C-alpha atoms as a PDB file:
ATOM      1  CA  PRO A   1      84.587 105.746 107.598  1.00  0.00           C
ATOM      2  CA  GLU A   2      84.848 104.136 104.201  1.00  0.00           C
ATOM      3  CA  MET A   3      87.998 105.012 102.266  1.00  0.00           C
ATOM      4  CA  ASP A   4      87.419 106.452  98.826  1.00  0.00           C
ATOM      5  CA  PHE A   5      89.734 108.214  96.397  1.00  0.00           C
ATOM      6  CA  THR A   6      89.025 111.697  97.741  1.00  0.00           C
ATOM      7  CA  SER A   7      89.606 110.591 101.333  1.00  0.00           C
ATOM      8  CA  PHE A   8      92.878 108.977 100.289  1.00  0.00           C
ATOM      9  CA  VAL A   9      94.073 112.177  98.573  1.00  0.00           C
ATOM     10  CA  LEU A  10      93.087 114.288 101.576  1.00  0.00           C
ATOM     11  CA  SER A  11      94.860 111.854 103.891  1.00  0.00           C
ATOM     12  CA  LEU A  12      98.069 112.231 101.901  1.00  0.00           C
ATOM     13  CA  SER A  13      97.581 116.006 101.931  1.00  0.00           C
ATOM     14  CA  THR A  14      97.317 115.932 105.728  1.00  0.00           C
ATOM     15  CA  THR A  15     100.508 113.894 105.861  1.00  0.00           C
ATOM     16  CA  ALA A  16     102.284 116.576 103.821  1.00  0.00           C
ATOM     17  CA  MET A  17     100.946 119.300 106.137  1.00  0.00           C
ATOM     18  CA  PHE A  18     102.285 117.318 109.099  1.00  0.00           C
ATOM     19  CA  HIS A  19     105.704 117.276 107.422  1.00  0.00           C
ATOM     20  CA  PHE A  20     105.471 121.028 106.788  1.00  0.00           C
ATOM     21  CA  GLY A  21     105.157 121.411 110.554  1.00  0.00           C
ATOM     22  CA  ASP A  22     101.512 122.497 110.538  1.00  0.00           C
ATOM     23  CA  LEU A  23     100.414 119.739 112.905  1.00  0.00           C
ATOM     24  CA  PRO A  24     102.127 118.681 116.125  1.00  0.00           C
ATOM     25  CA  ASP A  25     103.302 115.137 116.679  1.00  0.00           C
ATOM     26  CA  PRO A  26     100.661 113.469 118.864  1.00  0.00           C
ATOM     27  CA  VAL A  27     103.328 111.994 121.149  1.00  0.00           C
ATOM     28  CA  THR A  28     105.869 114.816 121.501  1.00  0.00           C
ATOM     29  CA  LYS A  29     103.396 117.672 120.950  1.00  0.00           C
ATOM     30  CA  LYS A  30     106.109 119.332 118.813  1.00  0.00           C
ATOM     31  CA  ALA A  31     105.614 120.457 115.237  1.00  0.00           C
ATOM     32  CA  ASP A  32     108.767 119.737 113.254  1.00  0.00           C
ATOM     33  CA  LYS A  33     109.453 120.448 109.595  1.00  0.00           C
ATOM     34  CA  ASN A  34     110.680 117.690 107.337  1.00  0.00           C
ATOM     35  CA  LEU A  35     110.705 119.126 103.827  1.00  0.00           C
ATOM     36  CA  ALA A  36     112.178 115.959 102.307  1.00  0.00           C
ATOM     37  CA  ALA A  37     109.241 113.932 103.636  1.00  0.00           C
ATOM     38  CA  ALA A  38     106.787 116.614 102.471  1.00  0.00           C
ATOM     39  CA  LYS A  39     108.303 116.477  98.981  1.00  0.00           C
ATOM     40  CA  GLN A  40     108.081 112.692  98.958  1.00  0.00           C
ATOM     41  CA  THR A  41     104.372 112.870  99.777  1.00  0.00           C
ATOM     42  CA  ILE A  42     103.842 115.498  97.074  1.00  0.00           C
ATOM     43  CA  ASP A  43     105.699 113.274  94.611  1.00  0.00           C
ATOM     44  CA  ILE A  44     103.454 110.341  95.567  1.00  0.00           C
ATOM     45  CA  LEU A  45     100.401 112.486  94.837  1.00  0.00           C
ATOM     46  CA  GLY A  46     101.961 113.517  91.516  1.00  0.00           C
ATOM     47  CA  MET A  47     102.550 109.888  90.605  1.00  0.00           C
ATOM     48  CA  LEU A  48      98.960 109.106  91.565  1.00  0.00           C
ATOM     49  CA  GLN A  49      97.790 111.936  89.308  1.00  0.00           C
ATOM     50  CA  GLU A  50      99.837 110.592  86.407  1.00  0.00           C
ATOM     51  CA  LYS A  51      98.755 106.972  86.853  1.00  0.00           C
ATOM     52  CA  THR A  52      95.044 107.763  87.248  1.00  0.00           C
ATOM     53  CA  ALA A  53      94.809 110.246  84.355  1.00  0.00           C
ATOM     54  CA  GLY A  54      91.609 109.634  82.432  1.00  0.00           C
ATOM     55  CA  ASN A  55      90.170 107.340  85.106  1.00  0.00           C
ATOM     56  CA  LEU A  56      88.878 109.854  87.669  1.00  0.00           C
ATOM     57  CA  THR A  57      85.542 111.558  88.009  1.00  0.00           C
ATOM     58  CA  ALA A  58      85.564 115.316  87.496  1.00  0.00           C
ATOM     59  CA  ASP A  59      85.320 115.876  91.260  1.00  0.00           C
ATOM     60  CA  GLU A  60      88.188 113.481  92.001  1.00  0.00           C
ATOM     61  CA  LYS A  61      90.372 115.141  89.360  1.00  0.00           C
ATOM     62  CA  ASN A  62      89.567 118.609  90.693  1.00  0.00           C
ATOM     63  CA  ILE A  63      90.426 117.631  94.287  1.00  0.00           C
ATOM     64  CA  LEU A  64      93.700 116.008  93.258  1.00  0.00           C
ATOM     65  CA  ASP A  65      94.666 118.951  91.037  1.00  0.00           C
ATOM     66  CA  ALA A  66      93.836 121.498  93.749  1.00  0.00           C
ATOM     67  CA  VAL A  67      95.648 119.598  96.499  1.00  0.00           C
ATOM     68  CA  LEU A  68      98.742 119.156  94.345  1.00  0.00           C
ATOM     69  CA  PHE A  69      98.775 122.815  93.317  1.00  0.00           C
ATOM     70  CA  GLU A  70      98.517 124.017  96.912  1.00  0.00           C
ATOM     71  CA  LEU A  71     101.133 121.596  98.227  1.00  0.00           C
ATOM     72  CA  ARG A  72     103.574 122.362  95.416  1.00  0.00           C
ATOM     73  CA  MET A  73     103.225 126.108  95.982  1.00  0.00           C
ATOM     74  CA  ARG A  74     103.687 125.599  99.710  1.00  0.00           C
ATOM     75  CA  TYR A  75     106.821 123.555  99.103  1.00  0.00           C
ATOM     76  CA  VAL A  76     108.272 126.313  96.914  1.00  0.00           C
ATOM     77  CA  ARG A  77     107.525 128.919  99.620  1.00  0.00           C
ATOM     78  CA  GLU A  78     109.122 126.742 102.284  1.00  0.00           C
ATOM     79  CA  LYS A  79     112.277 126.246 100.226  1.00  0.00           C
ATOM     80  CA  ILE A  80     112.860 130.020  99.860  1.00  0.00           C
END
């Protein structure tokens, strides 16, 4: 499939979920948590949000905002 901005954001979101331990490693079949890697992915999305401000369609902005909100809240819950 063609890569567009929304697909890219969702791909990064899936990467963060993998690091939260939601998805098993395809090789080991184990789901391990790596909160540092999850935070790094969230930070990448935050940087993307900052650098693309004013250049996104309304739908792209809404997806990015929603994904970042959910991942940031998840990270806070995981840290407790």
